[in-house]
N, C-alpha and C. Protein backbone atom coordinates (compact mmCIF):
# COMPACT_ATOMS: atom_id res chain seq x y z
N MET A 1 0.83 -1.17 0.00
CA MET A 1 0.00 0.00 0.00
C MET A 1 0.88 1.24 0.00
N ASN A 2 0.52 2.25 -0.80
CA ASN A 2 1.36 3.44 -0.84
C ASN A 2 1.08 4.36 0.35
N ASN A 3 1.94 5.34 0.54
CA ASN A 3 1.85 6.22 1.70
C ASN A 3 0.59 7.07 1.70
N ALA A 4 0.14 7.54 0.55
CA ALA A 4 -1.06 8.38 0.49
C ALA A 4 -2.30 7.60 0.92
N ALA A 5 -2.38 6.34 0.53
CA ALA A 5 -3.55 5.53 0.90
C ALA A 5 -3.57 5.25 2.40
N THR A 6 -2.43 4.97 2.99
CA THR A 6 -2.40 4.70 4.43
C THR A 6 -2.65 5.96 5.23
N ALA A 7 -2.14 7.12 4.77
CA ALA A 7 -2.37 8.37 5.50
C ALA A 7 -3.85 8.75 5.46
N THR A 8 -4.51 8.54 4.32
CA THR A 8 -5.93 8.86 4.22
C THR A 8 -6.76 7.91 5.08
N ALA A 9 -6.43 6.64 5.07
CA ALA A 9 -7.18 5.67 5.86
C ALA A 9 -7.00 5.90 7.35
N ARG A 10 -5.87 6.47 7.74
CA ARG A 10 -5.57 6.66 9.15
C ARG A 10 -6.22 7.92 9.72
N THR A 11 -6.48 8.94 8.92
CA THR A 11 -6.83 10.24 9.48
C THR A 11 -8.28 10.67 9.29
N ALA A 12 -8.96 10.32 8.22
CA ALA A 12 -10.12 11.10 7.81
C ALA A 12 -11.49 10.64 8.33
N SER A 13 -11.68 9.44 8.71
CA SER A 13 -13.01 8.92 8.97
C SER A 13 -13.71 9.58 10.15
N PRO A 14 -14.86 10.23 9.92
CA PRO A 14 -15.60 10.82 11.03
C PRO A 14 -16.14 9.78 12.01
N VAL A 15 -16.45 8.60 11.51
CA VAL A 15 -16.94 7.54 12.39
C VAL A 15 -15.84 7.10 13.34
N ARG A 16 -14.62 7.02 12.83
CA ARG A 16 -13.49 6.64 13.67
C ARG A 16 -13.24 7.71 14.74
N LYS A 17 -13.32 8.98 14.36
CA LYS A 17 -13.14 10.05 15.34
C LYS A 17 -14.25 10.05 16.38
N LEU A 18 -15.46 9.77 15.96
CA LEU A 18 -16.58 9.68 16.90
C LEU A 18 -16.39 8.51 17.87
N THR A 19 -15.90 7.41 17.36
CA THR A 19 -15.65 6.24 18.21
C THR A 19 -14.54 6.51 19.22
N TYR A 20 -13.44 7.10 18.76
CA TYR A 20 -12.37 7.46 19.69
C TYR A 20 -12.85 8.47 20.73
N SER A 21 -13.64 9.43 20.30
CA SER A 21 -14.16 10.43 21.24
C SER A 21 -15.05 9.79 22.30
N ALA A 22 -15.87 8.84 21.89
CA ALA A 22 -16.71 8.12 22.86
C ALA A 22 -15.85 7.32 23.83
N LEU A 23 -14.77 6.73 23.33
CA LEU A 23 -13.85 6.00 24.19
C LEU A 23 -13.19 6.94 25.20
N PHE A 24 -12.76 8.11 24.75
CA PHE A 24 -12.14 9.06 25.67
C PHE A 24 -13.14 9.63 26.67
N LEU A 25 -14.39 9.79 26.25
CA LEU A 25 -15.42 10.24 27.18
C LEU A 25 -15.67 9.17 28.25
N ALA A 26 -15.69 7.91 27.85
CA ALA A 26 -15.84 6.82 28.82
C ALA A 26 -14.65 6.75 29.77
N LEU A 27 -13.44 6.98 29.25
CA LEU A 27 -12.26 7.01 30.11
C LEU A 27 -12.34 8.15 31.12
N ALA A 28 -12.87 9.29 30.71
CA ALA A 28 -13.01 10.42 31.62
C ALA A 28 -14.02 10.11 32.73
N MET A 29 -14.97 9.23 32.45
CA MET A 29 -15.93 8.84 33.48
C MET A 29 -15.32 7.83 34.46
N VAL A 30 -14.46 6.95 33.97
CA VAL A 30 -13.97 5.83 34.78
C VAL A 30 -12.67 6.16 35.52
N LEU A 31 -11.78 6.93 34.94
CA LEU A 31 -10.47 7.18 35.56
C LEU A 31 -10.53 7.76 36.97
N PRO A 32 -11.44 8.69 37.28
CA PRO A 32 -11.49 9.18 38.67
C PRO A 32 -11.83 8.10 39.69
N PHE A 33 -12.55 7.06 39.30
CA PHE A 33 -12.83 5.95 40.22
C PHE A 33 -11.54 5.21 40.57
N LEU A 34 -10.65 5.06 39.60
CA LEU A 34 -9.42 4.33 39.83
C LEU A 34 -8.49 5.07 40.78
N THR A 35 -8.40 6.38 40.64
CA THR A 35 -7.52 7.13 41.53
C THR A 35 -8.20 7.51 42.84
N GLY A 36 -9.51 7.51 42.89
CA GLY A 36 -10.23 7.88 44.10
C GLY A 36 -10.10 6.87 45.23
N HIS A 37 -9.77 5.63 44.90
CA HIS A 37 -9.63 4.59 45.93
C HIS A 37 -8.31 4.69 46.69
N ILE A 38 -7.38 5.45 46.16
CA ILE A 38 -6.09 5.65 46.83
C ILE A 38 -6.10 7.10 47.35
N PRO A 39 -6.30 7.32 48.64
CA PRO A 39 -6.48 8.68 49.15
C PRO A 39 -5.31 9.62 48.87
N GLU A 40 -4.07 9.12 48.91
CA GLU A 40 -2.92 9.98 48.67
C GLU A 40 -2.91 10.52 47.23
N ILE A 41 -3.30 9.68 46.30
CA ILE A 41 -3.31 10.08 44.90
C ILE A 41 -4.61 10.79 44.55
N GLY A 42 -5.73 10.30 45.07
CA GLY A 42 -7.03 10.85 44.72
C GLY A 42 -7.22 12.30 45.12
N SER A 43 -6.57 12.73 46.19
CA SER A 43 -6.71 14.13 46.61
C SER A 43 -5.84 15.07 45.78
N MET A 44 -4.83 14.55 45.09
CA MET A 44 -3.91 15.40 44.33
C MET A 44 -4.18 15.38 42.83
N LEU A 45 -4.64 14.28 42.29
CA LEU A 45 -4.67 14.07 40.85
C LEU A 45 -6.11 13.95 40.36
N CYS A 46 -6.43 14.70 39.33
CA CYS A 46 -7.73 14.56 38.66
C CYS A 46 -7.46 14.06 37.24
N PRO A 47 -7.62 12.78 37.00
CA PRO A 47 -7.24 12.23 35.69
C PRO A 47 -8.27 12.49 34.59
N MET A 48 -9.30 13.27 34.86
CA MET A 48 -10.28 13.57 33.82
C MET A 48 -9.68 14.43 32.71
N HIS A 49 -8.58 15.12 33.00
CA HIS A 49 -7.97 15.99 32.00
C HIS A 49 -7.25 15.20 30.90
N LEU A 50 -6.72 14.06 31.25
CA LEU A 50 -5.93 13.28 30.29
C LEU A 50 -6.73 12.83 29.07
N PRO A 51 -7.96 12.30 29.21
CA PRO A 51 -8.70 11.93 28.00
C PRO A 51 -9.01 13.11 27.08
N ALA A 52 -9.25 14.29 27.64
CA ALA A 52 -9.49 15.47 26.80
C ALA A 52 -8.25 15.84 26.00
N LEU A 53 -7.09 15.78 26.65
CA LEU A 53 -5.85 16.06 25.94
C LEU A 53 -5.58 15.03 24.85
N LEU A 54 -5.74 13.77 25.18
CA LEU A 54 -5.49 12.72 24.19
C LEU A 54 -6.48 12.79 23.03
N CYS A 55 -7.72 13.14 23.33
CA CYS A 55 -8.71 13.28 22.26
C CYS A 55 -8.35 14.44 21.34
N GLY A 56 -7.86 15.53 21.91
CA GLY A 56 -7.41 16.64 21.07
C GLY A 56 -6.26 16.24 20.17
N PHE A 57 -5.33 15.44 20.69
CA PHE A 57 -4.21 14.97 19.88
C PHE A 57 -4.67 14.02 18.78
N MET A 58 -5.50 13.06 19.12
CA MET A 58 -5.84 12.00 18.17
C MET A 58 -6.96 12.38 17.20
N CYS A 59 -7.95 13.12 17.66
CA CYS A 59 -9.13 13.38 16.83
C CYS A 59 -9.22 14.80 16.30
N GLY A 60 -8.44 15.70 16.85
CA GLY A 60 -8.50 17.09 16.39
C GLY A 60 -9.14 17.99 17.43
N TRP A 61 -9.01 19.29 17.21
CA TRP A 61 -9.46 20.24 18.21
C TRP A 61 -10.97 20.26 18.43
N PRO A 62 -11.83 20.09 17.40
CA PRO A 62 -13.28 20.14 17.71
C PRO A 62 -13.71 18.98 18.61
N TRP A 63 -13.13 17.80 18.39
CA TRP A 63 -13.50 16.64 19.20
C TRP A 63 -12.92 16.76 20.60
N GLY A 64 -11.69 17.26 20.72
CA GLY A 64 -11.11 17.47 22.03
C GLY A 64 -11.89 18.51 22.84
N LEU A 65 -12.35 19.56 22.16
CA LEU A 65 -13.16 20.57 22.81
C LEU A 65 -14.47 19.97 23.31
N ALA A 66 -15.12 19.17 22.48
CA ALA A 66 -16.41 18.57 22.86
C ALA A 66 -16.25 17.60 24.03
N VAL A 67 -15.26 16.73 23.96
CA VAL A 67 -15.05 15.77 25.05
C VAL A 67 -14.67 16.49 26.34
N GLY A 68 -13.83 17.51 26.23
CA GLY A 68 -13.44 18.26 27.40
C GLY A 68 -14.60 19.01 28.04
N PHE A 69 -15.51 19.51 27.23
CA PHE A 69 -16.64 20.26 27.77
C PHE A 69 -17.71 19.33 28.36
N ILE A 70 -17.95 18.22 27.70
CA ILE A 70 -19.04 17.33 28.11
C ILE A 70 -18.67 16.48 29.33
N SER A 71 -17.43 16.02 29.42
CA SER A 71 -17.10 15.03 30.45
C SER A 71 -17.33 15.49 31.89
N PRO A 72 -16.92 16.68 32.34
CA PRO A 72 -17.21 17.02 33.74
C PRO A 72 -18.69 17.25 34.00
N LEU A 73 -19.40 17.80 33.01
CA LEU A 73 -20.83 18.04 33.19
C LEU A 73 -21.59 16.72 33.27
N LEU A 74 -21.25 15.78 32.40
CA LEU A 74 -21.90 14.47 32.41
C LEU A 74 -21.58 13.71 33.68
N ARG A 75 -20.34 13.78 34.11
CA ARG A 75 -19.95 13.10 35.35
C ARG A 75 -20.66 13.71 36.55
N SER A 76 -20.84 15.01 36.54
CA SER A 76 -21.55 15.68 37.62
C SER A 76 -23.03 15.27 37.64
N MET A 77 -23.63 15.15 36.47
CA MET A 77 -25.04 14.76 36.41
C MET A 77 -25.25 13.30 36.82
N ILE A 78 -24.34 12.42 36.42
CA ILE A 78 -24.52 10.99 36.69
C ILE A 78 -24.10 10.64 38.11
N PHE A 79 -22.93 11.07 38.53
CA PHE A 79 -22.36 10.62 39.80
C PHE A 79 -22.39 11.67 40.91
N GLY A 80 -22.68 12.93 40.59
CA GLY A 80 -22.71 13.97 41.59
C GLY A 80 -21.36 14.55 41.94
N MET A 81 -20.31 14.05 41.36
CA MET A 81 -18.96 14.57 41.58
C MET A 81 -18.34 14.84 40.23
N PRO A 82 -17.75 15.94 40.00
CA PRO A 82 -17.59 17.10 40.86
C PRO A 82 -18.92 17.84 41.05
N PRO A 83 -19.02 18.67 42.08
CA PRO A 83 -20.26 19.45 42.25
C PRO A 83 -20.51 20.33 41.02
N VAL A 84 -21.75 20.72 40.84
CA VAL A 84 -22.15 21.41 39.61
C VAL A 84 -21.34 22.68 39.39
N TRP A 85 -21.14 23.50 40.42
CA TRP A 85 -20.41 24.76 40.23
C TRP A 85 -18.95 24.50 39.87
N VAL A 86 -18.38 23.41 40.36
CA VAL A 86 -17.01 23.05 39.99
C VAL A 86 -16.99 22.45 38.58
N ALA A 87 -18.02 21.67 38.25
CA ALA A 87 -18.08 21.03 36.93
C ALA A 87 -18.19 22.06 35.81
N ILE A 88 -18.88 23.15 36.06
CA ILE A 88 -19.00 24.19 35.03
C ILE A 88 -17.63 24.81 34.75
N ALA A 89 -16.90 25.13 35.80
CA ALA A 89 -15.56 25.68 35.61
C ALA A 89 -14.64 24.66 34.94
N MET A 90 -14.73 23.40 35.38
CA MET A 90 -13.90 22.35 34.78
C MET A 90 -14.24 22.14 33.32
N ALA A 91 -15.51 22.32 32.95
CA ALA A 91 -15.92 22.13 31.56
C ALA A 91 -15.20 23.11 30.64
N PHE A 92 -15.14 24.37 31.05
CA PHE A 92 -14.45 25.36 30.23
C PHE A 92 -12.94 25.11 30.22
N GLU A 93 -12.40 24.73 31.36
CA GLU A 93 -10.97 24.45 31.45
C GLU A 93 -10.58 23.26 30.56
N MET A 94 -11.33 22.17 30.67
CA MET A 94 -10.98 20.97 29.91
C MET A 94 -11.27 21.15 28.42
N ALA A 95 -12.30 21.93 28.08
CA ALA A 95 -12.56 22.22 26.67
C ALA A 95 -11.39 23.00 26.07
N THR A 96 -10.84 23.91 26.85
CA THR A 96 -9.67 24.66 26.38
C THR A 96 -8.48 23.74 26.22
N TYR A 97 -8.27 22.83 27.19
CA TYR A 97 -7.17 21.86 27.06
C TYR A 97 -7.29 21.05 25.78
N GLY A 98 -8.47 20.50 25.53
CA GLY A 98 -8.66 19.66 24.35
C GLY A 98 -8.48 20.42 23.06
N ALA A 99 -9.03 21.65 23.00
CA ALA A 99 -8.92 22.44 21.77
C ALA A 99 -7.47 22.88 21.52
N ILE A 100 -6.81 23.37 22.55
CA ILE A 100 -5.43 23.85 22.38
C ILE A 100 -4.50 22.68 22.04
N ALA A 101 -4.72 21.53 22.66
CA ALA A 101 -3.89 20.36 22.35
C ALA A 101 -4.04 19.98 20.88
N GLY A 102 -5.27 19.96 20.38
CA GLY A 102 -5.50 19.62 18.98
C GLY A 102 -4.92 20.65 18.02
N LEU A 103 -5.08 21.93 18.35
CA LEU A 103 -4.55 22.99 17.48
C LEU A 103 -3.02 22.98 17.46
N LEU A 104 -2.41 22.85 18.63
CA LEU A 104 -0.95 22.82 18.67
C LEU A 104 -0.40 21.59 17.96
N TYR A 105 -1.04 20.46 18.14
CA TYR A 105 -0.57 19.24 17.47
C TYR A 105 -0.67 19.38 15.96
N ARG A 106 -1.79 19.93 15.48
CA ARG A 106 -1.97 20.11 14.04
C ARG A 106 -0.94 21.08 13.47
N ASN A 107 -0.73 22.21 14.16
CA ASN A 107 0.23 23.20 13.66
C ASN A 107 1.66 22.70 13.71
N CYS A 108 2.01 21.97 14.75
CA CYS A 108 3.38 21.44 14.84
C CYS A 108 3.62 20.36 13.80
N ARG A 109 2.60 19.56 13.50
CA ARG A 109 2.75 18.54 12.46
C ARG A 109 2.94 19.18 11.10
N LYS A 110 2.24 20.29 10.86
CA LYS A 110 2.40 20.98 9.57
C LYS A 110 3.81 21.54 9.44
N GLN A 111 4.35 22.10 10.53
CA GLN A 111 5.68 22.69 10.47
C GLN A 111 6.76 21.62 10.37
N ALA A 112 6.57 20.51 11.07
CA ALA A 112 7.59 19.46 11.06
C ALA A 112 7.48 18.56 9.84
N GLY A 113 6.36 18.60 9.16
CA GLY A 113 6.15 17.73 8.02
C GLY A 113 5.67 16.37 8.48
N ALA A 114 5.66 15.41 7.58
CA ALA A 114 5.14 14.08 7.90
C ALA A 114 6.17 13.23 8.64
N SER A 115 7.37 13.77 8.88
CA SER A 115 8.40 12.96 9.52
C SER A 115 8.21 12.84 11.03
N MET A 116 7.38 13.72 11.64
CA MET A 116 7.19 13.67 13.09
C MET A 116 6.32 12.47 13.44
N PRO A 117 6.76 11.62 14.35
CA PRO A 117 5.96 10.45 14.70
C PRO A 117 4.66 10.85 15.38
N ARG A 118 3.66 10.00 15.26
CA ARG A 118 2.33 10.30 15.79
C ARG A 118 2.31 10.29 17.32
N SER A 119 3.11 9.47 17.95
CA SER A 119 3.13 9.43 19.41
C SER A 119 4.54 9.75 19.90
N SER A 120 4.87 11.02 19.92
CA SER A 120 6.19 11.46 20.33
C SER A 120 6.27 11.51 21.85
N PRO A 121 7.38 11.09 22.45
CA PRO A 121 7.52 11.18 23.90
C PRO A 121 7.44 12.63 24.39
N ARG A 122 7.84 13.57 23.54
CA ARG A 122 7.76 14.97 23.92
C ARG A 122 6.31 15.38 24.16
N TRP A 123 5.37 14.90 23.31
CA TRP A 123 3.96 15.23 23.48
C TRP A 123 3.40 14.56 24.73
N SER A 124 3.86 13.37 25.03
CA SER A 124 3.38 12.68 26.22
C SER A 124 3.79 13.42 27.48
N ARG A 125 5.04 13.88 27.52
CA ARG A 125 5.50 14.63 28.68
C ARG A 125 4.76 15.96 28.80
N ALA A 126 4.51 16.63 27.67
CA ALA A 126 3.80 17.91 27.69
C ALA A 126 2.36 17.71 28.18
N ALA A 127 1.72 16.64 27.75
CA ALA A 127 0.35 16.38 28.19
C ALA A 127 0.31 16.07 29.68
N LEU A 128 1.26 15.30 30.15
CA LEU A 128 1.30 14.95 31.57
C LEU A 128 1.58 16.19 32.43
N CYS A 129 2.53 17.01 32.02
CA CYS A 129 2.84 18.23 32.78
C CYS A 129 1.68 19.22 32.73
N GLY A 130 0.99 19.31 31.61
CA GLY A 130 -0.15 20.22 31.52
C GLY A 130 -1.31 19.78 32.39
N ALA A 131 -1.47 18.49 32.56
CA ALA A 131 -2.57 18.00 33.39
C ALA A 131 -2.27 18.15 34.87
N LEU A 132 -1.01 18.16 35.23
CA LEU A 132 -0.66 18.32 36.65
C LEU A 132 -0.69 19.76 37.01
């Protein structure tokens, strides 16, 4: 298979982006349960930010924005945590994280060309530091 065919198959499908976004939304619902059982970690770390960042990287800024905005509000409605007034602030914060991550990733890929790997360790460190 030539490079153009694999690049098109890897990037363009809206159904694939919708599926990944649903997966990241589900991760944003489940990850706080995993860290909440360990009091030392649960009081310091809110892992809901990581799926929004990853969604912005993988699916683009509109999907990262949507997942970032919806996840704290949906979690607040379903589980009652975070409280509604905190969830509203988190929604705008996480929507910004997802959108900026997608925009920066897209612009950096354009500048670096196709030679930049899709999962660079530099992006992983930046996402982790931004979430902390």
